[in-house]
C-alpha atoms as a PDB file:
ATOM      1  CA  MET A   1     -22.933  61.549   2.185  1.00  0.00           C
ATOM      2  CA  ASN A   2     -21.196  64.902   2.824  1.00  0.00           C
ATOM      3  CA  GLY A   3     -20.900  66.709  -0.461  1.00  0.00           C
ATOM      4  CA  GLY A   4     -18.357  68.988   0.813  1.00  0.00           C
ATOM      5  CA  GLU A   5     -15.716  66.290   1.668  1.00  0.00           C
ATOM      6  CA  ARG A   6     -12.745  65.850  -0.593  1.00  0.00           C
ATOM      7  CA  THR A   7     -12.253  62.480  -2.491  1.00  0.00           C
ATOM      8  CA  THR A   8      -9.183  60.695  -2.915  1.00  0.00           C
ATOM      9  CA  GLY A   9      -9.901  59.718  -6.620  1.00  0.00           C
ATOM     10  CA  GLY A  10     -12.369  59.529  -9.421  1.00  0.00           C
ATOM     11  CA  SER A  11     -15.803  58.179  -9.110  1.00  0.00           C
ATOM     12  CA  ARG A  12     -15.482  55.179 -11.365  1.00  0.00           C
ATOM     13  CA  PRO A  13     -14.676  52.036  -9.470  1.00  0.00           C
ATOM     14  CA  ASP A  14     -11.142  50.269  -9.947  1.00  0.00           C
ATOM     15  CA  ARG A  15     -12.135  46.879 -11.053  1.00  0.00           C
ATOM     16  CA  THR A  16      -8.464  45.625 -10.036  1.00  0.00           C
ATOM     17  CA  ALA A  17      -9.322  46.122  -6.580  1.00  0.00           C
ATOM     18  CA  GLY A  18     -10.656  42.685  -5.945  1.00  0.00           C
ATOM     19  CA  SER A  19      -7.531  40.853  -4.689  1.00  0.00           C
ATOM     20  CA  ALA A  20      -5.979  42.264  -1.508  1.00  0.00           C
ATOM     21  CA  THR A  21      -2.760  40.453  -2.338  1.00  0.00           C
ATOM     22  CA  VAL A  22      -2.421  41.865  -5.701  1.00  0.00           C
ATOM     23  CA  GLN A  23      -2.751  45.241  -4.457  1.00  0.00           C
ATOM     24  CA  ALA A  24      -0.575  44.640  -1.253  1.00  0.00           C
ATOM     25  CA  GLN A  25       2.406  44.026  -4.053  1.00  0.00           C
ATOM     26  CA  ALA A  26       1.500  47.409  -5.477  1.00  0.00           C
ATOM     27  CA  LEU A  27       1.455  49.120  -2.337  1.00  0.00           C
ATOM     28  CA  LEU A  28       4.761  47.876  -0.735  1.00  0.00           C
ATOM     29  CA  PRO A  29       7.193  49.932  -3.050  1.00  0.00           C
ATOM     30  CA  MET A  30       5.152  52.987  -1.724  1.00  0.00           C
ATOM     31  CA  ILE A  31       5.978  51.961   1.855  1.00  0.00           C
ATOM     32  CA  TRP A  32       9.453  50.999   1.370  1.00  0.00           C
ATOM     33  CA  ALA A  33       9.792  54.822  -0.358  1.00  0.00           C
ATOM     34  CA  ASP A  34       8.068  56.278   2.867  1.00  0.00           C
ATOM     35  CA  PRO A  35       8.672  53.753   5.782  1.00  0.00           C
ATOM     36  CA  GLN A  36       8.097  56.444   8.553  1.00  0.00           C
ATOM     37  CA  HIS A  37       4.394  56.790   7.137  1.00  0.00           C
ATOM     38  CA  MET A  38       3.392  53.109   6.411  1.00  0.00           C
ATOM     39  CA  PRO A  39      -0.033  53.497   8.433  1.00  0.00           C
ATOM     40  CA  GLU A  40      -0.795  56.808   6.413  1.00  0.00           C
ATOM     41  CA  GLN A  41       0.312  55.513   2.979  1.00  0.00           C
ATOM     42  CA  LEU A  42      -1.713  52.326   3.554  1.00  0.00           C
ATOM     43  CA  ALA A  43      -4.761  54.296   4.532  1.00  0.00           C
ATOM     44  CA  PHE A  44      -4.360  56.456   1.474  1.00  0.00           C
ATOM     45  CA  PHE A  45      -4.056  53.783  -0.664  1.00  0.00           C
ATOM     46  CA  ALA A  46      -6.798  51.525   0.546  1.00  0.00           C
ATOM     47  CA  VAL A  47      -9.280  54.572   0.199  1.00  0.00           C
ATOM     48  CA  ARG A  48      -7.942  55.179  -3.259  1.00  0.00           C
ATOM     49  CA  ARG A  49      -8.440  51.373  -4.376  1.00  0.00           C
ATOM     50  CA  PHE A  50     -11.152  50.208  -2.328  1.00  0.00           C
ATOM     51  CA  GLY A  51     -13.381  53.224  -1.808  1.00  0.00           C
ATOM     52  CA  PRO A  52     -15.266  52.894  -5.073  1.00  0.00           C
ATOM     53  CA  ARG A  53     -15.354  49.281  -4.754  1.00  0.00           C
ATOM     54  CA  ALA A  54     -16.961  49.353  -1.266  1.00  0.00           C
ATOM     55  CA  ALA A  55     -19.674  51.435  -2.539  1.00  0.00           C
ATOM     56  CA  THR A  56     -20.340  48.958  -5.494  1.00  0.00           C
ATOM     57  CA  SER A  57     -20.178  45.951  -3.161  1.00  0.00           C
ATOM     58  CA  VAL A  58     -22.789  47.500  -0.692  1.00  0.00           C
ATOM     59  CA  ALA A  59     -25.083  48.337  -3.493  1.00  0.00           C
ATOM     60  CA  ARG A  60     -24.792  44.839  -4.775  1.00  0.00           C
ATOM     61  CA  ARG A  61     -25.475  43.501  -1.441  1.00  0.00           C
ATOM     62  CA  ARG A  62     -28.677  45.789  -1.126  1.00  0.00           C
ATOM     63  CA  GLN A  63     -29.705  44.628  -4.561  1.00  0.00           C
ATOM     64  CA  ASN A  64     -29.356  40.933  -3.760  1.00  0.00           C
ATOM     65  CA  SER A  65     -31.135  41.090  -0.440  1.00  0.00           C
ATOM     66  CA  PRO A  66     -33.639  44.021  -0.906  1.00  0.00           C
ATOM     67  CA  GLU A  67     -35.435  43.011   2.185  1.00  0.00           C
ATOM     68  CA  ALA A  68     -32.388  42.821   4.369  1.00  0.00           C
ATOM     69  CA  LYS A  69     -31.902  45.434   7.428  1.00  0.00           C
ATOM     70  CA  ASP A  70     -28.844  47.472   7.891  1.00  0.00           C
ATOM     71  CA  ASP A  71     -27.918  45.102  10.777  1.00  0.00           C
ATOM     72  CA  GLU A  72     -28.060  41.974   8.623  1.00  0.00           C
ATOM     73  CA  LEU A  73     -26.143  43.708   5.818  1.00  0.00           C
ATOM     74  CA  ARG A  74     -23.485  44.898   8.492  1.00  0.00           C
ATOM     75  CA  GLN A  75     -22.998  41.260   9.658  1.00  0.00           C
ATOM     76  CA  ASP A  76     -22.630  40.135   6.218  1.00  0.00           C
ATOM     77  CA  VAL A  77     -19.896  42.712   5.705  1.00  0.00           C
ATOM     78  CA  ILE A  78     -18.186  41.720   8.876  1.00  0.00           C
ATOM     79  CA  ALA A  79     -18.456  37.937   8.206  1.00  0.00           C
ATOM     80  CA  HIS A  80     -17.101  38.460   4.521  1.00  0.00           C
ATOM     81  CA  GLY A  81     -14.271  40.868   5.663  1.00  0.00           C
ATOM     82  CA  THR A  82     -13.049  38.685   8.524  1.00  0.00           C
ATOM     83  CA  HIS A  83     -12.996  35.670   6.047  1.00  0.00           C
ATOM     84  CA  MET A  84     -10.964  37.576   3.505  1.00  0.00           C
ATOM     85  CA  THR A  85      -8.614  38.863   6.201  1.00  0.00           C
ATOM     86  CA  ILE A  86      -7.888  35.023   7.136  1.00  0.00           C
ATOM     87  CA  ALA A  87      -7.513  34.238   3.506  1.00  0.00           C
ATOM     88  CA  ASP A  88      -5.262  37.117   2.394  1.00  0.00           C
ATOM     89  CA  GLY A  89      -3.288  37.340   5.605  1.00  0.00           C
ATOM     90  CA  ALA A  90      -2.161  33.526   5.945  1.00  0.00           C
ATOM     91  CA  VAL A  91       1.722  33.513   5.825  1.00  0.00           C
ATOM     92  CA  LEU A  92       3.936  30.594   6.058  1.00  0.00           C
ATOM     93  CA  GLY A  93       7.018  30.512   7.769  1.00  0.00           C
ATOM     94  CA  GLY A  94      10.156  28.362   6.612  1.00  0.00           C
ATOM     95  CA  PRO A  95      10.975  29.108   2.977  1.00  0.00           C
ATOM     96  CA  PHE A  96       8.079  31.369   2.463  1.00  0.00           C
ATOM     97  CA  ILE A  97       8.765  33.813   5.444  1.00  0.00           C
ATOM     98  CA  VAL A  98       9.849  36.318   2.699  1.00  0.00           C
ATOM     99  CA  LEU A  99       6.190  36.925   1.885  1.00  0.00           C
ATOM    100  CA  MET A 100       5.345  38.051   5.483  1.00  0.00           C
ATOM    101  CA  PRO A 101       5.264  41.752   4.553  1.00  0.00           C
ATOM    102  CA  VAL A 102       3.116  41.085   1.474  1.00  0.00           C
ATOM    103  CA  SER A 103       0.528  39.125   3.660  1.00  0.00           C
ATOM    104  CA  PHE A 104       0.529  41.375   6.482  1.00  0.00           C
ATOM    105  CA  VAL A 105      -0.409  44.424   4.142  1.00  0.00           C
ATOM    106  CA  ALA A 106      -2.827  42.132   2.319  1.00  0.00           C
ATOM    107  CA  ALA A 107      -4.547  41.519   5.667  1.00  0.00           C
ATOM    108  CA  LEU A 108      -4.442  45.318   6.401  1.00  0.00           C
ATOM    109  CA  LEU A 109      -6.257  46.189   3.174  1.00  0.00           C
ATOM    110  CA  SER A 110      -8.939  43.547   3.647  1.00  0.00           C
ATOM    111  CA  GLN A 111      -9.822  44.837   7.097  1.00  0.00           C
ATOM    112  CA  ALA A 112      -9.636  48.462   5.436  1.00  0.00           C
ATOM    113  CA  ARG A 113     -12.149  47.315   2.736  1.00  0.00           C
ATOM    114  CA  MET A 114     -14.385  46.115   5.345  1.00  0.00           C
ATOM    115  CA  VAL A 115     -14.328  49.224   7.310  1.00  0.00           C
ATOM    116  CA  LEU A 116     -15.050  51.453   4.084  1.00  0.00           C
ATOM    117  CA  GLU A 117     -18.198  48.962   3.434  1.00  0.00           C
ATOM    118  CA  LEU A 118     -19.371  49.684   6.995  1.00  0.00           C
ATOM    119  CA  ALA A 119     -18.966  53.401   6.449  1.00  0.00           C
ATOM    120  CA  VAL A 120     -21.232  52.927   3.110  1.00  0.00           C
ATOM    121  CA  LEU A 121     -23.699  51.269   5.082  1.00  0.00           C
ATOM    122  CA  ALA A 122     -23.725  54.401   7.565  1.00  0.00           C
ATOM    123  CA  GLY A 123     -24.181  56.732   4.575  1.00  0.00           C
ATOM    124  CA  GLN A 124     -20.697  57.808   4.350  1.00  0.00           C
ATOM    125  CA  ASP A 125     -18.547  58.492   1.050  1.00  0.00           C
ATOM    126  CA  PRO A 126     -16.068  55.884   1.018  1.00  0.00           C
ATOM    127  CA  ARG A 127     -13.808  57.763  -1.335  1.00  0.00           C
ATOM    128  CA  SER A 128     -13.489  60.781   0.860  1.00  0.00           C
ATOM    129  CA  GLU A 129     -10.164  61.476   2.483  1.00  0.00           C
ATOM    130  CA  GLN A 130     -12.121  61.544   5.923  1.00  0.00           C
ATOM    131  CA  ARG A 131     -12.144  57.799   5.582  1.00  0.00           C
ATOM    132  CA  VAL A 132      -8.339  57.911   5.569  1.00  0.00           C
ATOM    133  CA  ALA A 133      -8.365  59.683   9.025  1.00  0.00           C
ATOM    134  CA  ASP A 134     -11.208  57.367  10.335  1.00  0.00           C
ATOM    135  CA  LEU A 135      -9.304  54.364   9.426  1.00  0.00           C
ATOM    136  CA  LEU A 136      -6.225  55.551  11.253  1.00  0.00           C
ATOM    137  CA  VAL A 137      -8.105  56.480  14.476  1.00  0.00           C
ATOM    138  CA  LEU A 138      -9.926  52.889  14.255  1.00  0.00           C
ATOM    139  CA  GLN A 139      -6.400  51.206  13.945  1.00  0.00           C
ATOM    140  CA  ASP A 140      -5.199  53.128  17.072  1.00  0.00           C
ATOM    141  CA  VAL A 141      -2.568  55.144  15.072  1.00  0.00           C
ATOM    142  CA  TYR A 142      -4.024  58.469  16.040  1.00  0.00           C
ATOM    143  CA  PRO A 143      -6.218  59.439  18.980  1.00  0.00           C
ATOM    144  CA  SER A 144      -8.745  61.537  17.099  1.00  0.00           C
ATOM    145  CA  THR A 145      -9.521  62.249  13.639  1.00  0.00           C
ATOM    146  CA  GLU A 146      -8.134  65.760  14.386  1.00  0.00           C
ATOM    147  CA  ALA A 147      -4.931  64.405  14.759  1.00  0.00           C
ATOM    148  CA  ALA A 148      -4.870  62.081  12.077  1.00  0.00           C
ATOM    149  CA  THR A 149      -6.047  64.880   9.667  1.00  0.00           C
ATOM    150  CA  GLU A 150      -3.255  67.307  10.708  1.00  0.00           C
ATOM    151  CA  ALA A 151      -0.758  64.365  10.360  1.00  0.00           C
ATOM    152  CA  LEU A 152      -2.023  63.583   6.767  1.00  0.00           C
ATOM    153  CA  SER A 153      -1.522  67.083   5.932  1.00  0.00           C
ATOM    154  CA  LYS A 154       2.180  66.502   5.988  1.00  0.00           C
ATOM    155  CA  VAL A 155       2.186  63.195   4.238  1.00  0.00           C
ATOM    156  CA  LYS A 156       2.888  62.710   0.365  1.00  0.00           C
ATOM    157  CA  ARG A 157      -0.035  61.345  -1.258  1.00  0.00           C
ATOM    158  CA  HIS A 158       1.725  59.500  -4.216  1.00  0.00           C
ATOM    159  CA  PRO A 159       5.251  58.447  -3.153  1.00  0.00           C
ATOM    160  CA  THR A 160       7.604  57.544  -5.881  1.00  0.00           C
ATOM    161  CA  GLY A 161       7.679  53.468  -5.355  1.00  0.00           C
ATOM    162  CA  SER A 162      10.997  52.293  -4.195  1.00  0.00           C
ATOM    163  CA  HIS A 163      12.311  48.632  -5.246  1.00  0.00           C
ATOM    164  CA  GLY A 164      15.678  49.267  -3.597  1.00  0.00           C
ATOM    165  CA  ARG A 165      16.907  47.714  -0.155  1.00  0.00           C
ATOM    166  CA  ILE A 166      15.943  49.481   3.186  1.00  0.00           C
ATOM    167  CA  PRO A 167      17.922  48.769   6.071  1.00  0.00           C
ATOM    168  CA  ARG A 168      17.028  45.365   7.858  1.00  0.00           C
ATOM    169  CA  ARG A 169      16.343  47.089  11.198  1.00  0.00           C
ATOM    170  CA  THR A 170      13.879  49.594   9.357  1.00  0.00           C
ATOM    171  CA  ARG A 171      12.203  46.642   7.496  1.00  0.00           C
ATOM    172  CA  TRP A 172      11.819  44.655  10.678  1.00  0.00           C
ATOM    173  CA  SER A 173      10.447  47.591  12.509  1.00  0.00           C
ATOM    174  CA  LEU A 174       8.029  47.985   9.535  1.00  0.00           C
ATOM    175  CA  ILE A 175       6.763  44.454  10.059  1.00  0.00           C
ATOM    176  CA  VAL A 176       6.345  44.749  13.680  1.00  0.00           C
ATOM    177  CA  ARG A 177       4.460  48.069  13.246  1.00  0.00           C
ATOM    178  CA  MET A 178       2.194  46.183  10.900  1.00  0.00           C
ATOM    179  CA  ALA A 179       1.883  43.331  13.304  1.00  0.00           C
ATOM    180  CA  GLU A 180       0.789  45.983  16.183  1.00  0.00           C
ATOM    181  CA  ILE A 181      -1.936  47.556  13.850  1.00  0.00           C
ATOM    182  CA  LEU A 182      -3.385  44.014  12.959  1.00  0.00           C
ATOM    183  CA  GLY A 183      -3.298  43.339  16.812  1.00  0.00           C
ATOM    184  CA  LEU A 184      -1.173  40.566  16.283  1.00  0.00           C
ATOM    185  CA  VAL A 185       1.109  42.188  19.244  1.00  0.00           C
ATOM    186  CA  GLY A 186       0.883  44.822  21.568  1.00  0.00           C
ATOM    187  CA  GLY A 187       1.438  48.247  20.285  1.00  0.00           C
ATOM    188  CA  GLY A 188       1.653  51.909  21.110  1.00  0.00           C
ATOM    189  CA  GLY A 189       4.392  54.443  21.035  1.00  0.00           C
ATOM    190  CA  LYS A 190       4.044  54.926  25.001  1.00  0.00           C
ATOM    191  CA  GLN A 191       5.491  51.496  25.694  1.00  0.00           C
ATOM    192  CA  SER A 192       8.854  51.108  27.366  1.00  0.00           C
ATOM    193  CA  THR A 193      11.679  49.023  25.701  1.00  0.00           C
ATOM    194  CA  PHE A 194      10.883  46.149  28.170  1.00  0.00           C
ATOM    195  CA  GLN A 195       7.172  46.183  27.113  1.00  0.00           C
ATOM    196  CA  ARG A 196       7.734  46.093  23.533  1.00  0.00           C
ATOM    197  CA  VAL A 197      10.170  43.113  23.841  1.00  0.00           C
ATOM    198  CA  VAL A 198       7.645  41.325  25.932  1.00  0.00           C
ATOM    199  CA  SER A 199       4.673  42.153  23.441  1.00  0.00           C
ATOM    200  CA  THR A 200       6.762  41.265  20.568  1.00  0.00           C
ATOM    201  CA  ALA A 201       7.739  37.839  21.993  1.00  0.00           C
ATOM    202  CA  PRO A 202       4.752  35.759  20.802  1.00  0.00           C
ATOM    203  CA  ILE A 203       5.285  36.549  17.201  1.00  0.00           C
ATOM    204  CA  VAL A 204       9.135  36.029  17.272  1.00  0.00           C
ATOM    205  CA  VAL A 205       8.176  32.434  18.932  1.00  0.00           C
ATOM    206  CA  LEU A 206       5.702  31.933  16.052  1.00  0.00           C
ATOM    207  CA  PHE A 207       8.402  33.102  13.593  1.00  0.00           C
ATOM    208  CA  LEU A 208      10.956  30.573  15.031  1.00  0.00           C
ATOM    209  CA  VAL A 209       8.337  27.687  15.299  1.00  0.00           C
ATOM    210  CA  GLY A 210       7.174  28.457  11.634  1.00  0.00           C
ATOM    211  CA  MET A 211      10.756  28.070  10.150  1.00  0.00           C
ATOM    212  CA  VAL A 212      10.712  24.473  11.335  1.00  0.00           C
ATOM    213  CA  LEU A 213       6.859  24.082  10.762  1.00  0.00           C
ATOM    214  CA  PRO A 214       5.534  26.213   8.424  1.00  0.00           C
ATOM    215  CA  LEU A 215       1.982  25.096   8.687  1.00  0.00           C
ATOM    216  CA  ILE A 216       1.738  25.942  12.462  1.00  0.00           C
ATOM    217  CA  TRP A 217       2.123  29.668  11.637  1.00  0.00           C
ATOM    218  CA  VAL A 218      -1.050  29.422   9.486  1.00  0.00           C
ATOM    219  CA  PRO A 219      -3.593  28.427  12.285  1.00  0.00           C
ATOM    220  CA  ALA A 220      -2.194  30.583  14.846  1.00  0.00           C
ATOM    221  CA  LEU A 221      -2.423  33.645  12.508  1.00  0.00           C
ATOM    222  CA  ALA A 222      -5.791  32.654  11.500  1.00  0.00           C
ATOM    223  CA  VAL A 223      -7.030  32.693  15.076  1.00  0.00           C
ATOM    224  CA  LEU A 224      -5.396  36.048  15.868  1.00  0.00           C
ATOM    225  CA  TYR A 225      -6.816  37.642  12.439  1.00  0.00           C
ATOM    226  CA  ARG A 226     -10.338  36.407  13.565  1.00  0.00           C
ATOM    227  CA  LYS A 227     -10.225  37.808  16.956  1.00  0.00           C
ATOM    228  CA  ASN A 228      -8.816  41.337  15.947  1.00  0.00           C
ATOM    229  CA  THR A 229     -10.641  41.738  12.715  1.00  0.00           C
ATOM    230  CA  LEU A 230     -13.968  41.201  14.693  1.00  0.00           C
ATOM    231  CA  ARG A 231     -12.922  43.675  17.202  1.00  0.00           C
ATOM    232  CA  LEU A 232     -12.015  46.314  14.592  1.00  0.00           C
ATOM    233  CA  ALA A 233     -15.437  45.699  12.923  1.00  0.00           C
ATOM    234  CA  THR A 234     -17.106  46.289  16.348  1.00  0.00           C
ATOM    235  CA  LYS A 235     -15.263  49.490  16.764  1.00  0.00           C
ATOM    236  CA  ALA A 236     -16.209  50.697  13.188  1.00  0.00           C
ATOM    237  CA  ALA A 237     -19.938  49.707  13.432  1.00  0.00           C
ATOM    238  CA  GLN A 238     -19.986  51.717  16.878  1.00  0.00           C
ATOM    239  CA  TYR A 239     -17.871  54.604  15.136  1.00  0.00           C
ATOM    240  CA  TYR A 240     -20.105  55.053  11.882  1.00  0.00           C
ATOM    241  CA  THR A 241     -23.592  54.189  13.291  1.00  0.00           C
ATOM    242  CA  PRO A 242     -25.435  57.209  13.929  1.00  0.00           C
ATOM    243  CA  GLY A 243     -27.657  58.072  17.069  1.00  0.00           C
ATOM    244  CA  ALA A 244     -27.425  58.148  20.715  1.00  0.00           C
ATOM    245  CA  ALA A 245     -25.232  56.181  23.249  1.00  0.00           C
ATOM    246  CA  GLY A 246     -27.963  53.781  23.889  1.00  0.00           C
ATOM    247  CA  GLU A 247     -28.386  53.016  20.179  1.00  0.00           C
ATOM    248  CA  ARG A 248     -24.608  52.303  19.778  1.00  0.00           C
ATOM    249  CA  LEU A 249     -24.892  50.207  23.046  1.00  0.00           C
ATOM    250  CA  ARG A 250     -27.498  48.057  21.454  1.00  0.00           C
ATOM    251  CA  HIS A 251     -25.122  47.480  18.332  1.00  0.00           C
ATOM    252  CA  ARG A 252     -22.412  46.643  20.703  1.00  0.00           C
ATOM    253  CA  LYS A 253     -24.411  43.923  22.252  1.00  0.00           C
ATOM    254  CA  ARG A 254     -25.721  42.434  18.910  1.00  0.00           C
ATOM    255  CA  LEU A 255     -22.084  42.303  17.551  1.00  0.00           C
ATOM    256  CA  ALA A 256     -20.927  40.638  20.787  1.00  0.00           C
ATOM    257  CA  HIS A 257     -22.739  37.614  19.522  1.00  0.00           C
ATOM    258  CA  MET A 258     -21.139  37.389  16.370  1.00  0.00           C
ATOM    259  CA  PRO A 259     -17.614  35.925  16.996  1.00  0.00           C
ATOM    260  CA  GLY A 260     -19.056  32.298  17.727  1.00  0.00           C
ATOM    261  CA  THR A 261     -19.596  32.045  13.939  1.00  0.00           C
ATOM    262  CA  VAL A 262     -17.862  34.691  11.967  1.00  0.00           C
ATOM    263  CA  GLY A 263     -14.446  33.160  10.341  1.00  0.00           C
ATOM    264  CA  LEU A 264     -14.978  30.131  12.339  1.00  0.00           C
ATOM    265  CA  ALA A 265     -14.968  27.850   9.064  1.00  0.00           C
ATOM    266  CA  ALA A 266     -11.828  29.376   7.839  1.00  0.00           C
ATOM    267  CA  VAL A 267     -10.104  28.798  11.185  1.00  0.00           C
ATOM    268  CA  LEU A 268     -11.004  25.243  11.348  1.00  0.00           C
ATOM    269  CA  ARG A 269      -9.778  24.661   7.808  1.00  0.00           C
ATOM    270  CA  VAL A 270      -6.488  26.054   8.562  1.00  0.00           C
ATOM    271  CA  LEU A 271      -6.291  23.989  11.917  1.00  0.00           C
ATOM    272  CA  ALA A 272      -6.864  20.716  10.017  1.00  0.00           C
ATOM    273  CA  LEU A 273      -4.079  21.693   7.489  1.00  0.00           C
ATOM    274  CA  ALA A 274      -1.654  22.162  10.551  1.00  0.00           C
ATOM    275  CA  LEU A 275      -2.657  18.882  11.917  1.00  0.00           C
ATOM    276  CA  ALA A 276      -1.914  16.987   8.981  1.00  0.00           C
ATOM    277  CA  PRO A 277       1.912  16.732   9.437  1.00  0.00           C
ATOM    278  CA  PHE A 278       1.206  15.250  13.136  1.00  0.00           C
ATOM    279  CA  ALA A 279      -1.012  12.910  11.574  1.00  0.00           C
ATOM    280  CA  ALA A 280       1.643  11.899   9.019  1.00  0.00           C
ATOM    281  CA  ALA A 281       4.308  11.377  11.821  1.00  0.00           C
ATOM    282  CA  ALA A 282       1.662   9.190  13.967  1.00  0.00           C
ATOM    283  CA  ALA A 283       1.135   6.893  10.851  1.00  0.00           C
ATOM    284  CA  ALA A 284       4.625   6.607  10.339  1.00  0.00           C
ATOM    285  CA  ALA A 285       5.391   5.655  13.776  1.00  0.00           C
ATOM    286  CA  ALA A 286       2.316   3.365  13.970  1.00  0.00           C
ATOM    287  CA  ALA A 287       3.507   1.354  10.813  1.00  0.00           C
ATOM    288  CA  GLY A 288       6.924   0.938  12.276  1.00  0.00           C
ATOM    289  CA  PHE A 289       8.725   3.099   9.791  1.00  0.00           C
ATOM    290  CA  ARG A 290      12.117   4.081  10.927  1.00  0.00           C
ATOM    291  CA  LEU A 291      14.805   6.699   9.511  1.00  0.00           C
ATOM    292  CA  ALA A 292      17.508   8.032  11.430  1.00  0.00           C
ATOM    293  CA  GLY A 293      17.495   8.411  15.054  1.00  0.00           C
ATOM    294  CA  GLY A 294      15.094   5.692  15.788  1.00  0.00           C
ATOM    295  CA  PHE A 295      11.555   6.319  16.786  1.00  0.00           C
ATOM    296  CA  TRP A 296      11.815   9.929  17.804  1.00  0.00           C
ATOM    297  CA  GLY A 297      13.958  10.923  15.096  1.00  0.00           C
ATOM    298  CA  THR A 298      11.673   9.272  12.560  1.00  0.00           C
ATOM    299  CA  CYS A 299       8.709  11.221  13.972  1.00  0.00           C
ATOM    300  CA  LEU A 300      10.694  14.630  13.934  1.00  0.00           C
ATOM    301  CA  ILE A 301      12.046  13.906  10.314  1.00  0.00           C
ATOM    302  CA  VAL A 302       8.258  12.950   9.132  1.00  0.00           C
ATOM    303  CA  LEU A 303       6.728  15.707  10.788  1.00  0.00           C
ATOM    304  CA  VAL A 304       9.062  18.329   9.466  1.00  0.00           C
ATOM    305  CA  ALA A 305       8.998  16.991   5.866  1.00  0.00           C
ATOM    306  CA  ALA A 306       5.333  16.536   5.850  1.00  0.00           C
ATOM    307  CA  SER A 307       4.913  20.186   7.118  1.00  0.00           C
ATOM    308  CA  LEU A 308       7.128  21.480   4.378  1.00  0.00           C
ATOM    309  CA  LEU A 309       5.479  19.721   1.565  1.00  0.00           C
ATOM    310  CA  GLY A 310       1.990  20.828   2.630  1.00  0.00           C
ATOM    311  CA  ALA A 311       3.234  24.399   3.044  1.00  0.00           C
ATOM    312  CA  THR A 312       4.603  23.938  -0.666  1.00  0.00           C
ATOM    313  CA  LEU A 313       1.451  22.599  -1.883  1.00  0.00           C
ATOM    314  CA  TRP A 314      -0.508  25.339  -0.091  1.00  0.00           C
ATOM    315  CA  PHE A 315       1.567  28.014  -1.559  1.00  0.00           C
ATOM    316  CA  VAL A 316       1.423  26.708  -4.977  1.00  0.00           C
ATOM    317  CA  ARG A 317      -2.386  26.133  -4.812  1.00  0.00           C
ATOM    318  CA  ARG A 318      -2.818  29.661  -3.492  1.00  0.00           C
ATOM    319  CA  ARG A 319      -0.289  31.191  -6.064  1.00  0.00           C
ATOM    320  CA  SER A 320      -2.268  29.385  -8.966  1.00  0.00           C
ATOM    321  CA  ARG A 321      -5.470  30.608  -7.944  1.00  0.00           C
ATOM    322  CA  ARG A 322      -4.234  34.124  -7.402  1.00  0.00           C
ATOM    323  CA  ARG A 323      -2.965  33.956 -11.153  1.00  0.00           C
ATOM    324  CA  GLU A 324      -6.152  32.874 -12.230  1.00  0.00           C
ATOM    325  CA  GLU A 325      -8.011  35.636 -10.333  1.00  0.00           C
ATOM    326  CA  GLU A 326      -5.753  38.345 -12.084  1.00  0.00           C
ATOM    327  CA  ARG A 327      -6.198  36.726 -15.512  1.00  0.00           C
ATOM    328  CA  ARG A 328     -10.174  37.296 -14.965  1.00  0.00           C
ATOM    329  CA  LEU A 329      -9.731  40.917 -13.954  1.00  0.00           C
ATOM    330  CA  PRO A 330     -10.354  43.405 -16.885  1.00  0.00           C
END
C-alpha cells in the first residue's frame, strides 16, 4: 500500500455497500446531473462505496481460508464477481425495460468491486483515488493512468444529484455508453457513424425482442456479462500482479482456464428460465388447446403470455429479496 496515495473517504467500511442494485439507484441521480462524465462519476462512486468493503471482503476470505494461496483467492474473487455481475445486471425487456439504466449501473458497480478486491490482493489501497484512474484504464475509457488522472482533476467529485428529466437522446447515449463499457456492444471514440450503428445493432435487436419476450433478454445478457466480466478480470489480474512479464504470462495462462466454470451455473439458470415460455407453448400445442389464430396463433399467444408472466414473477421475487436485504443492512 502506498502511504502517499490520496483516499476518497474515511477508513470505516460502508456497511450499506452490499447491494450493487441499491447503490446504482443512489448513483444514477449523480450521473443524470453530470452525464458527460458518466464513467468518471461511476468510478469515483465505486471507490468511495466499495473500496473499504473490498478490503474487508479480502480480509474475510483470508481468514476463512488461511491456507489458500493468492491465486486461489484471486479465482474466488473473480468467480464471485462474475456471479454478482450476472445477478445484479440481469435486466428485462417489455414492461421492465425502464430498469435498464439501473441494471447496467449495477453490473458496472459489481465489476468495479471485483477489480478493487483484486487490487487489495495485490497489496494496493482500494480507497485511493489512484484506483479510480486504474478502473477507467481497465474499462478502456482512457489509454493510460496519466490521461485518466489528468481528466479526473477536472471532474466534480460529488455532483448534486439530479432527479429531473434529461433529453431522451442524452439518456439513450448514456445507456449505449454503459453498454460499451460493459462490453455488450463495440465501443471507442474513434468509430465512424456506420461502425457505431453496426456495433449497436445487436443490443437494439435484443431490446426489440425483449419487448415481446422479456425472458429472452435475461440469458442473452447473462452470457455477455459472463464473457466480458472474465475478460475484465483477466486484465485486472495482469494489471495488478507485480513481477516480470513472464510472471504475468503465467497468470494469464492460469486465468485462461477459468471461463469453463466461472459463472456457468448462473448462465444455466437464466437459460432454463428463458426456455419455460417455449415449453408452455409446446405443451399447449400438444394438448390441442386453441385460441385465436389457430395452431400458430395459440403458440404465439401462449409464448408471449408465459414470457410476460415469468418476467413478472422473476421481477417480483428479485424485488422482494432486495427489500429483505435492505432491511437487514444497518
